[in-house]
Amino acid sequence: MPYTHEDEEMLPVQLRNLRKAGGEFLVHVGDIIDQKKKRKDKSLVCPEERYEMVSNILRKAPIKTFILPGDNDWNDCPYPDEAMTYW
């Protein structure tokens, strides 16, 4: 998450509401890459731009944010060692 364009628009709104809800910190458990969308061009499966986009969204959270990479974000990528460097 976020997987879709709608998710990308919804996540910042949810983040802004965390403080109002009394949250002190956020733990995002990864899976920012939708592995159901396999592509012939393996370089497009886990693009660095995707990690940057989600990072930019999460950095705007009003509370401390921690992220744990999910298996979709590195282990399931065609080049797991490369994908791990994006974190």
PDB file of N, CA and C in Angstrom:
ATOM      1  N   MET A   1       0.851  -1.156   0.000  1.00  0.00           N
ATOM      2  CA  MET A   1       0.000   0.000   0.000  1.00  0.00           C
ATOM      3  C   MET A   1       0.900   1.223   0.000  1.00  0.00           C
ATOM      4  N   PRO A   2       0.771   2.120  -0.827  1.00  0.00           N
ATOM      5  CA  PRO A   2      -0.305   2.263  -1.794  1.00  0.00           C
ATOM      6  C   PRO A   2      -0.018   1.487  -3.075  1.00  0.00           C
ATOM      7  N   TYR A   3      -1.040   0.828  -3.603  1.00  0.00           N
ATOM      8  CA  TYR A   3      -0.907   0.087  -4.858  1.00  0.00           C
ATOM      9  C   TYR A   3      -1.465   0.868  -6.042  1.00  0.00           C
ATOM     10  N   THR A   4      -2.556   1.565  -5.829  1.00  0.00           N
ATOM     11  CA  THR A   4      -3.249   2.225  -6.937  1.00  0.00           C
ATOM     12  C   THR A   4      -3.124   3.743  -6.821  1.00  0.00           C
ATOM     13  N   HIS A   5      -3.523   4.436  -7.879  1.00  0.00           N
ATOM     14  CA  HIS A   5      -3.519   5.895  -7.858  1.00  0.00           C
ATOM     15  C   HIS A   5      -4.445   6.405  -6.745  1.00  0.00           C
ATOM     16  N   GLU A   6      -5.565   5.738  -6.552  1.00  0.00           N
ATOM     17  CA  GLU A   6      -6.493   6.122  -5.490  1.00  0.00           C
ATOM     18  C   GLU A   6      -5.837   5.977  -4.115  1.00  0.00           C
ATOM     19  N   ASP A   7      -5.081   4.893  -3.939  1.00  0.00           N
ATOM     20  CA  ASP A   7      -4.355   4.692  -2.685  1.00  0.00           C
ATOM     21  C   ASP A   7      -3.338   5.810  -2.464  1.00  0.00           C
ATOM     22  N   GLU A   8      -2.664   6.210  -3.541  1.00  0.00           N
ATOM     23  CA  GLU A   8      -1.662   7.270  -3.449  1.00  0.00           C
ATOM     24  C   GLU A   8      -2.292   8.584  -3.001  1.00  0.00           C
ATOM     25  N   GLU A   9      -3.525   8.824  -3.392  1.00  0.00           N
ATOM     26  CA  GLU A   9      -4.224  10.040  -2.977  1.00  0.00           C
ATOM     27  C   GLU A   9      -4.782   9.908  -1.558  1.00  0.00           C
ATOM     28  N   MET A  10      -5.176   8.707  -1.174  1.00  0.00           N
ATOM     29  CA  MET A  10      -5.792   8.469   0.121  1.00  0.00           C
ATOM     30  C   MET A  10      -4.759   8.444   1.254  1.00  0.00           C
ATOM     31  N   LEU A  11      -3.578   7.912   1.001  1.00  0.00           N
ATOM     32  CA  LEU A  11      -2.583   7.749   2.060  1.00  0.00           C
ATOM     33  C   LEU A  11      -2.206   9.074   2.733  1.00  0.00           C
ATOM     34  N   PRO A  12      -1.933  10.154   1.999  1.00  0.00           N
ATOM     35  CA  PRO A  12      -1.619  11.418   2.684  1.00  0.00           C
ATOM     36  C   PRO A  12      -2.758  11.911   3.577  1.00  0.00           C
ATOM     37  N   VAL A  13      -3.980  11.710   3.156  1.00  0.00           N
ATOM     38  CA  VAL A  13      -5.132  12.115   3.974  1.00  0.00           C
ATOM     39  C   VAL A  13      -5.156  11.294   5.259  1.00  0.00           C
ATOM     40  N   GLN A  14      -4.938  10.009   5.143  1.00  0.00           N
ATOM     41  CA  GLN A  14      -4.916   9.150   6.326  1.00  0.00           C
ATOM     42  C   GLN A  14      -3.784   9.554   7.274  1.00  0.00           C
ATOM     43  N   LEU A  15      -2.640   9.900   6.704  1.00  0.00           N
ATOM     44  CA  LEU A  15      -1.504  10.304   7.530  1.00  0.00           C
ATOM     45  C   LEU A  15      -1.809  11.589   8.304  1.00  0.00           C
ATOM     46  N   ARG A  16      -2.429  12.550   7.633  1.00  0.00           N
ATOM     47  CA  ARG A  16      -2.777  13.810   8.301  1.00  0.00           C
ATOM     48  C   ARG A  16      -3.744  13.576   9.469  1.00  0.00           C
ATOM     49  N   ASN A  17      -4.560  12.568   9.373  1.00  0.00           N
ATOM     50  CA  ASN A  17      -5.551  12.284  10.414  1.00  0.00           C
ATOM     51  C   ASN A  17      -4.992  11.497  11.602  1.00  0.00           C
ATOM     52  N   LEU A  18      -3.777  11.021  11.495  1.00  0.00           N
ATOM     53  CA  LEU A  18      -3.209  10.206  12.574  1.00  0.00           C
ATOM     54  C   LEU A  18      -3.090  10.967  13.884  1.00  0.00           C
ATOM     55  N   ARG A  19      -2.630  12.189  13.823  1.00  0.00           N
ATOM     56  CA  ARG A  19      -2.455  12.968  15.052  1.00  0.00           C
ATOM     57  C   ARG A  19      -3.807  13.219  15.715  1.00  0.00           C
ATOM     58  N   LYS A  20      -4.817  13.538  14.908  1.00  0.00           N
ATOM     59  CA  LYS A  20      -6.165  13.770  15.445  1.00  0.00           C
ATOM     60  C   LYS A  20      -6.691  12.516  16.140  1.00  0.00           C
ATOM     61  N   ALA A  21      -6.289  11.364  15.633  1.00  0.00           N
ATOM     62  CA  ALA A  21      -6.753  10.091  16.194  1.00  0.00           C
ATOM     63  C   ALA A  21      -5.958   9.692  17.442  1.00  0.00           C
ATOM     64  N   GLY A  22      -4.968  10.515  17.822  1.00  0.00           N
ATOM     65  CA  GLY A  22      -4.193  10.233  19.023  1.00  0.00           C
ATOM     66  C   GLY A  22      -2.979   9.363  18.784  1.00  0.00           C
ATOM     67  N   GLY A  23      -2.628   9.142  17.532  1.00  0.00           N
ATOM     68  CA  GLY A  23      -1.458   8.325  17.235  1.00  0.00           C
ATOM     69  C   GLY A  23      -0.166   9.014  17.630  1.00  0.00           C
ATOM     70  N   GLU A  24       0.770   8.239  18.158  1.00  0.00           N
ATOM     71  CA  GLU A  24       2.071   8.778  18.537  1.00  0.00           C
ATOM     72  C   GLU A  24       3.151   8.380  17.542  1.00  0.00           C
ATOM     73  N   PHE A  25       2.938   7.258  16.864  1.00  0.00           N
ATOM     74  CA  PHE A  25       3.882   6.818  15.849  1.00  0.00           C
ATOM     75  C   PHE A  25       3.154   5.898  14.877  1.00  0.00           C
ATOM     76  N   LEU A  26       3.781   5.669  13.749  1.00  0.00           N
ATOM     77  CA  LEU A  26       3.223   4.824  12.701  1.00  0.00           C
ATOM     78  C   LEU A  26       4.248   3.775  12.315  1.00  0.00           C
ATOM     79  N   VAL A  27       3.801   2.551  12.170  1.00  0.00           N
ATOM     80  CA  VAL A  27       4.636   1.487  11.624  1.00  0.00           C
ATOM     81  C   VAL A  27       3.967   1.023  10.336  1.00  0.00           C
ATOM     82  N   HIS A  28       4.630   1.287   9.219  1.00  0.00           N
ATOM     83  CA  HIS A  28       4.136   0.838   7.913  1.00  0.00           C
ATOM     84  C   HIS A  28       4.820  -0.493   7.638  1.00  0.00           C
ATOM     85  N   VAL A  29       4.039  -1.526   7.374  1.00  0.00           N
ATOM     86  CA  VAL A  29       4.608  -2.868   7.241  1.00  0.00           C
ATOM     87  C   VAL A  29       4.901  -3.254   5.792  1.00  0.00           C
ATOM     88  N   GLY A  30       5.128  -2.263   4.972  1.00  0.00           N
ATOM     89  CA  GLY A  30       5.635  -2.516   3.634  1.00  0.00           C
ATOM     90  C   GLY A  30       4.616  -3.006   2.629  1.00  0.00           C
ATOM     91  N   ASP A  31       5.141  -3.718   1.659  1.00  0.00           N
ATOM     92  CA  ASP A  31       4.398  -4.163   0.480  1.00  0.00           C
ATOM     93  C   ASP A  31       3.894  -2.955  -0.314  1.00  0.00           C
ATOM     94  N   ILE A  32       4.835  -2.083  -0.652  1.00  0.00           N
ATOM     95  CA  ILE A  32       4.512  -0.925  -1.482  1.00  0.00           C
ATOM     96  C   ILE A  32       4.527  -1.288  -2.958  1.00  0.00           C
ATOM     97  N   ILE A  33       5.037  -2.469  -3.269  1.00  0.00           N
ATOM     98  CA  ILE A  33       5.094  -2.954  -4.648  1.00  0.00           C
ATOM     99  C   ILE A  33       4.013  -4.010  -4.828  1.00  0.00           C
ATOM    100  N   ASP A  34       3.164  -3.824  -5.827  1.00  0.00           N
ATOM    101  CA  ASP A  34       2.105  -4.786  -6.125  1.00  0.00           C
ATOM    102  C   ASP A  34       2.678  -5.849  -7.051  1.00  0.00           C
ATOM    103  N   GLN A  35       3.040  -6.984  -6.483  1.00  0.00           N
ATOM    104  CA  GLN A  35       3.687  -8.042  -7.273  1.00  0.00           C
ATOM    105  C   GLN A  35       2.713  -8.772  -8.189  1.00  0.00           C
ATOM    106  N   LYS A  36       1.436  -8.467  -8.112  1.00  0.00           N
ATOM    107  CA  LYS A  36       0.482  -9.081  -9.034  1.00  0.00           C
ATOM    108  C   LYS A  36       0.649  -8.523 -10.443  1.00  0.00           C
ATOM    109  N   LYS A  37       1.299  -7.383 -10.533  1.00  0.00           N
ATOM    110  CA  LYS A  37       1.501  -6.737 -11.836  1.00  0.00           C
ATOM    111  C   LYS A  37       2.878  -7.099 -12.388  1.00  0.00           C
ATOM    112  N   LYS A  38       3.101  -8.358 -12.621  1.00  0.00           N
ATOM    113  CA  LYS A  38       4.370  -8.815 -13.188  1.00  0.00           C
ATOM    114  C   LYS A  38       4.506  -8.298 -14.615  1.00  0.00           C
ATOM    115  N   ARG A  39       5.717  -7.964 -14.992  1.00  0.00           N
ATOM    116  CA  ARG A  39       5.965  -7.415 -16.329  1.00  0.00           C
ATOM    117  C   ARG A  39       7.082  -8.181 -17.002  1.00  0.00           C
ATOM    118  N   LYS A  40       7.063  -8.152 -18.312  1.00  0.00           N
ATOM    119  CA  LYS A  40       8.133  -8.810 -19.059  1.00  0.00           C
ATOM    120  C   LYS A  40       9.464  -8.103 -18.819  1.00  0.00           C
ATOM    121  N   ASP A  41       9.422  -6.766 -18.737  1.00  0.00           N
ATOM    122  CA  ASP A  41      10.629  -5.994 -18.468  1.00  0.00           C
ATOM    123  C   ASP A  41      10.844  -5.978 -16.956  1.00  0.00           C
ATOM    124  N   LYS A  42      11.756  -6.811 -16.483  1.00  0.00           N
ATOM    125  CA  LYS A  42      11.958  -6.977 -15.045  1.00  0.00           C
ATOM    126  C   LYS A  42      12.414  -5.697 -14.366  1.00  0.00           C
ATOM    127  N   SER A  43      13.007  -4.769 -15.111  1.00  0.00           N
ATOM    128  CA  SER A  43      13.456  -3.526 -14.498  1.00  0.00           C
ATOM    129  C   SER A  43      12.282  -2.661 -14.067  1.00  0.00           C
ATOM    130  N   LEU A  44      11.075  -2.947 -14.569  1.00  0.00           N
ATOM    131  CA  LEU A  44       9.897  -2.168 -14.212  1.00  0.00           C
ATOM    132  C   LEU A  44       9.105  -2.764 -13.058  1.00  0.00           C
ATOM    133  N   VAL A  45       9.495  -3.938 -12.587  1.00  0.00           N
ATOM    134  CA  VAL A  45       8.740  -4.608 -11.533  1.00  0.00           C
ATOM    135  C   VAL A  45       8.945  -3.914 -10.181  1.00  0.00           C
ATOM    136  N   CYS A  46      10.150  -3.509  -9.872  1.00  0.00           N
ATOM    137  CA  CYS A  46      10.468  -2.848  -8.599  1.00  0.00           C
ATOM    138  C   CYS A  46      11.256  -1.571  -8.887  1.00  0.00           C
ATOM    139  N   PRO A  47      10.620  -0.594  -9.509  1.00  0.00           N
ATOM    140  CA  PRO A  47      11.364   0.609  -9.907  1.00  0.00           C
ATOM    141  C   PRO A  47      11.717   1.492  -8.709  1.00  0.00           C
ATOM    142  N   GLU A  48      12.908   2.029  -8.738  1.00  0.00           N
ATOM    143  CA  GLU A  48      13.368   2.903  -7.661  1.00  0.00           C
ATOM    144  C   GLU A  48      12.423   4.084  -7.456  1.00  0.00           C
ATOM    145  N   GLU A  49      11.823   4.563  -8.527  1.00  0.00           N
ATOM    146  CA  GLU A  49      10.905   5.701  -8.436  1.00  0.00           C
ATOM    147  C   GLU A  49       9.717   5.409  -7.519  1.00  0.00           C
ATOM    148  N   ARG A  50       9.305   4.166  -7.482  1.00  0.00           N
ATOM    149  CA  ARG A  50       8.181   3.772  -6.630  1.00  0.00           C
ATOM    150  C   ARG A  50       8.541   3.951  -5.156  1.00  0.00           C
ATOM    151  N   TYR A  51       9.748   3.531  -4.794  1.00  0.00           N
ATOM    152  CA  TYR A  51      10.220   3.661  -3.426  1.00  0.00           C
ATOM    153  C   TYR A  51      10.335   5.143  -3.048  1.00  0.00           C
ATOM    154  N   GLU A  52      10.834   5.942  -3.983  1.00  0.00           N
ATOM    155  CA  GLU A  52      10.975   7.380  -3.738  1.00  0.00           C
ATOM    156  C   GLU A  52       9.610   8.040  -3.530  1.00  0.00           C
ATOM    157  N   MET A  53       8.643   7.671  -4.337  1.00  0.00           N
ATOM    158  CA  MET A  53       7.310   8.261  -4.246  1.00  0.00           C
ATOM    159  C   MET A  53       6.678   7.952  -2.883  1.00  0.00           C
ATOM    160  N   VAL A  54       6.750   6.695  -2.463  1.00  0.00           N
ATOM    161  CA  VAL A  54       6.161   6.316  -1.178  1.00  0.00           C
ATOM    162  C   VAL A  54       6.939   6.971  -0.034  1.00  0.00           C
ATOM    163  N   SER A  55       8.246   7.037  -0.157  1.00  0.00           N
ATOM    164  CA  SER A  55       9.051   7.703   0.859  1.00  0.00           C
ATOM    165  C   SER A  55       8.637   9.158   1.011  1.00  0.00           C
ATOM    166  N   ASN A  56       8.414   9.839  -0.094  1.00  0.00           N
ATOM    167  CA  ASN A  56       8.000  11.238  -0.047  1.00  0.00           C
ATOM    168  C   ASN A  56       6.653  11.408   0.650  1.00  0.00           C
ATOM    169  N   ILE A  57       5.751  10.471   0.444  1.00  0.00           N
ATOM    170  CA  ILE A  57       4.450  10.530   1.117  1.00  0.00           C
ATOM    171  C   ILE A  57       4.628  10.305   2.621  1.00  0.00           C
ATOM    172  N   LEU A  58       5.372   9.265   2.992  1.00  0.00           N
ATOM    173  CA  LEU A  58       5.515   8.911   4.405  1.00  0.00           C
ATOM    174  C   LEU A  58       6.302   9.959   5.187  1.00  0.00           C
ATOM    175  N   ARG A  59       7.215  10.655   4.535  1.00  0.00           N
ATOM    176  CA  ARG A  59       7.996  11.699   5.221  1.00  0.00           C
ATOM    177  C   ARG A  59       7.120  12.860   5.691  1.00  0.00           C
ATOM    178  N   LYS A  60       5.945  12.996   5.104  1.00  0.00           N
ATOM    179  CA  LYS A  60       5.047  14.084   5.470  1.00  0.00           C
ATOM    180  C   LYS A  60       4.114  13.720   6.621  1.00  0.00           C
ATOM    181  N   ALA A  61       4.266  12.531   7.149  1.00  0.00           N
ATOM    182  CA  ALA A  61       3.427  12.115   8.283  1.00  0.00           C
ATOM    183  C   ALA A  61       3.706  13.033   9.470  1.00  0.00           C
ATOM    184  N   PRO A  62       2.680  13.417  10.206  1.00  0.00           N
ATOM    185  CA  PRO A  62       2.856  14.336  11.327  1.00  0.00           C
ATOM    186  C   PRO A  62       3.402  13.673  12.601  1.00  0.00           C
ATOM    187  N   ILE A  63       3.615  12.370  12.538  1.00  0.00           N
ATOM    188  CA  ILE A  63       4.150  11.642  13.690  1.00  0.00           C
ATOM    189  C   ILE A  63       5.330  10.797  13.228  1.00  0.00           C
ATOM    190  N   LYS A  64       6.120  10.309  14.171  1.00  0.00           N
ATOM    191  CA  LYS A  64       7.271   9.469  13.826  1.00  0.00           C
ATOM    192  C   LYS A  64       6.783   8.273  13.022  1.00  0.00           C
ATOM    193  N   THR A  65       7.518   7.950  11.965  1.00  0.00           N
ATOM    194  CA  THR A  65       7.115   6.874  11.067  1.00  0.00           C
ATOM    195  C   THR A  65       8.266   5.892  10.880  1.00  0.00           C
ATOM    196  N   PHE A  66       7.941   4.635  11.012  1.00  0.00           N
ATOM    197  CA  PHE A  66       8.896   3.552  10.802  1.00  0.00           C
ATOM    198  C   PHE A  66       8.332   2.671   9.699  1.00  0.00           C
ATOM    199  N   ILE A  67       9.211   2.154   8.848  1.00  0.00           N
ATOM    200  CA  ILE A  67       8.733   1.265   7.789  1.00  0.00           C
ATOM    201  C   ILE A  67       9.550  -0.016   7.801  1.00  0.00           C
ATOM    202  N   LEU A  68       8.841  -1.111   7.680  1.00  0.00           N
ATOM    203  CA  LEU A  68       9.460  -2.428   7.554  1.00  0.00           C
ATOM    204  C   LEU A  68       9.216  -2.900   6.130  1.00  0.00           C
ATOM    205  N   PRO A  69      10.252  -3.148   5.369  1.00  0.00           N
ATOM    206  CA  PRO A  69      10.031  -3.630   4.005  1.00  0.00           C
ATOM    207  C   PRO A  69       9.274  -4.950   4.008  1.00  0.00           C
ATOM    208  N   GLY A  70       8.284  -5.045   3.134  1.00  0.00           N
ATOM    209  CA  GLY A  70       7.556  -6.293   2.969  1.00  0.00           C
ATOM    210  C   GLY A  70       8.244  -7.183   1.947  1.00  0.00           C
ATOM    211  N   ASP A  71       7.840  -8.425   1.872  1.00  0.00           N
ATOM    212  CA  ASP A  71       8.483  -9.339   0.924  1.00  0.00           C
ATOM    213  C   ASP A  71       8.293  -8.882  -0.518  1.00  0.00           C
ATOM    214  N   ASN A  72       7.188  -8.206  -0.822  1.00  0.00           N
ATOM    215  CA  ASN A  72       6.972  -7.697  -2.179  1.00  0.00           C
ATOM    216  C   ASN A  72       7.998  -6.634  -2.546  1.00  0.00           C
ATOM    217  N   ASP A  73       8.564  -5.975  -1.544  1.00  0.00           N
ATOM    218  CA  ASP A  73       9.429  -4.826  -1.762  1.00  0.00           C
ATOM    219  C   ASP A  73      10.890  -5.179  -1.986  1.00  0.00           C
ATOM    220  N   TRP A  74      11.249  -6.392  -1.755  1.00  0.00           N
ATOM    221  CA  TRP A  74      12.644  -6.765  -2.011  1.00  0.00           C
ATOM    222  C   TRP A  74      12.768  -8.238  -2.374  1.00  0.00           C
ATOM    223  N   ASN A  75      12.281  -9.148  -1.552  1.00  0.00           N
ATOM    224  CA  ASN A  75      12.467 -10.581  -1.790  1.00  0.00           C
ATOM    225  C   ASN A  75      11.801 -11.050  -3.074  1.00  0.00           C
ATOM    226  N   ASP A  76      10.634 -10.502  -3.403  1.00  0.00           N
ATOM    227  CA  ASP A  76       9.905 -10.920  -4.597  1.00  0.00           C
ATOM    228  C   ASP A  76      10.324 -10.153  -5.853  1.00  0.00           C
ATOM    229  N   CYS A  77      11.231  -9.204  -5.696  1.00  0.00           N
ATOM    230  CA  CYS A  77      11.715  -8.450  -6.857  1.00  0.00           C
ATOM    231  C   CYS A  77      12.687  -9.317  -7.659  1.00  0.00           C
ATOM    232  N   PRO A  78      12.793  -9.066  -8.964  1.00  0.00           N
ATOM    233  CA  PRO A  78      13.700  -9.876  -9.768  1.00  0.00           C
ATOM    234  C   PRO A  78      15.167  -9.706  -9.360  1.00  0.00           C
ATOM    235  N   TYR A  79      15.488  -8.558  -8.768  1.00  0.00           N
ATOM    236  CA  TYR A  79      16.846  -8.285  -8.305  1.00  0.00           C
ATOM    237  C   TYR A  79      16.769  -7.833  -6.841  1.00  0.00           C
ATOM    238  N   PRO A  80      16.585  -8.783  -5.914  1.00  0.00           N
ATOM    239  CA  PRO A  80      16.336  -8.440  -4.510  1.00  0.00           C
ATOM    240  C   PRO A  80      17.433  -7.585  -3.867  1.00  0.00           C
ATOM    241  N   ASP A  81      18.692  -7.881  -4.169  1.00  0.00           N
ATOM    242  CA  ASP A  81      19.769  -7.098  -3.564  1.00  0.00           C
ATOM    243  C   ASP A  81      19.692  -5.640  -3.990  1.00  0.00           C
ATOM    244  N   GLU A  82      19.368  -5.419  -5.241  1.00  0.00           N
ATOM    245  CA  GLU A  82      19.223  -4.048  -5.745  1.00  0.00           C
ATOM    246  C   GLU A  82      18.030  -3.360  -5.083  1.00  0.00           C
ATOM    247  N   ALA A  83      16.909  -4.076  -5.004  1.00  0.00           N
ATOM    248  CA  ALA A  83      15.701  -3.492  -4.400  1.00  0.00           C
ATOM    249  C   ALA A  83      15.950  -3.105  -2.948  1.00  0.00           C
ATOM    250  N   MET A  84      16.723  -3.878  -2.231  1.00  0.00           N
ATOM    251  CA  MET A  84      16.986  -3.574  -0.823  1.00  0.00           C
ATOM    252  C   MET A  84      17.764  -2.266  -0.677  1.00  0.00           C
ATOM    253  N   THR A  85      18.569  -1.912  -1.666  1.00  0.00           N
ATOM    254  CA  THR A  85      19.335  -0.668  -1.577  1.00  0.00           C
ATOM    255  C   THR A  85      18.433   0.558  -1.693  1.00  0.00           C
ATOM    256  N   TYR A  86      17.222   0.398  -2.213  1.00  0.00           N
ATOM    257  CA  TYR A  86      16.314   1.534  -2.344  1.00  0.00           C
ATOM    258  C   TYR A  86      15.763   1.982  -0.995  1.00  0.00           C
ATOM    259  N   TRP A  87      15.878   1.131   0.002  1.00  0.00           N
ATOM    260  CA  TRP A  87      15.391   1.491   1.332  1.00  0.00           C
ATOM    261  C   TRP A  87      16.395   2.388   2.013  1.00  0.00           C
TER     262      TRP A  87
END
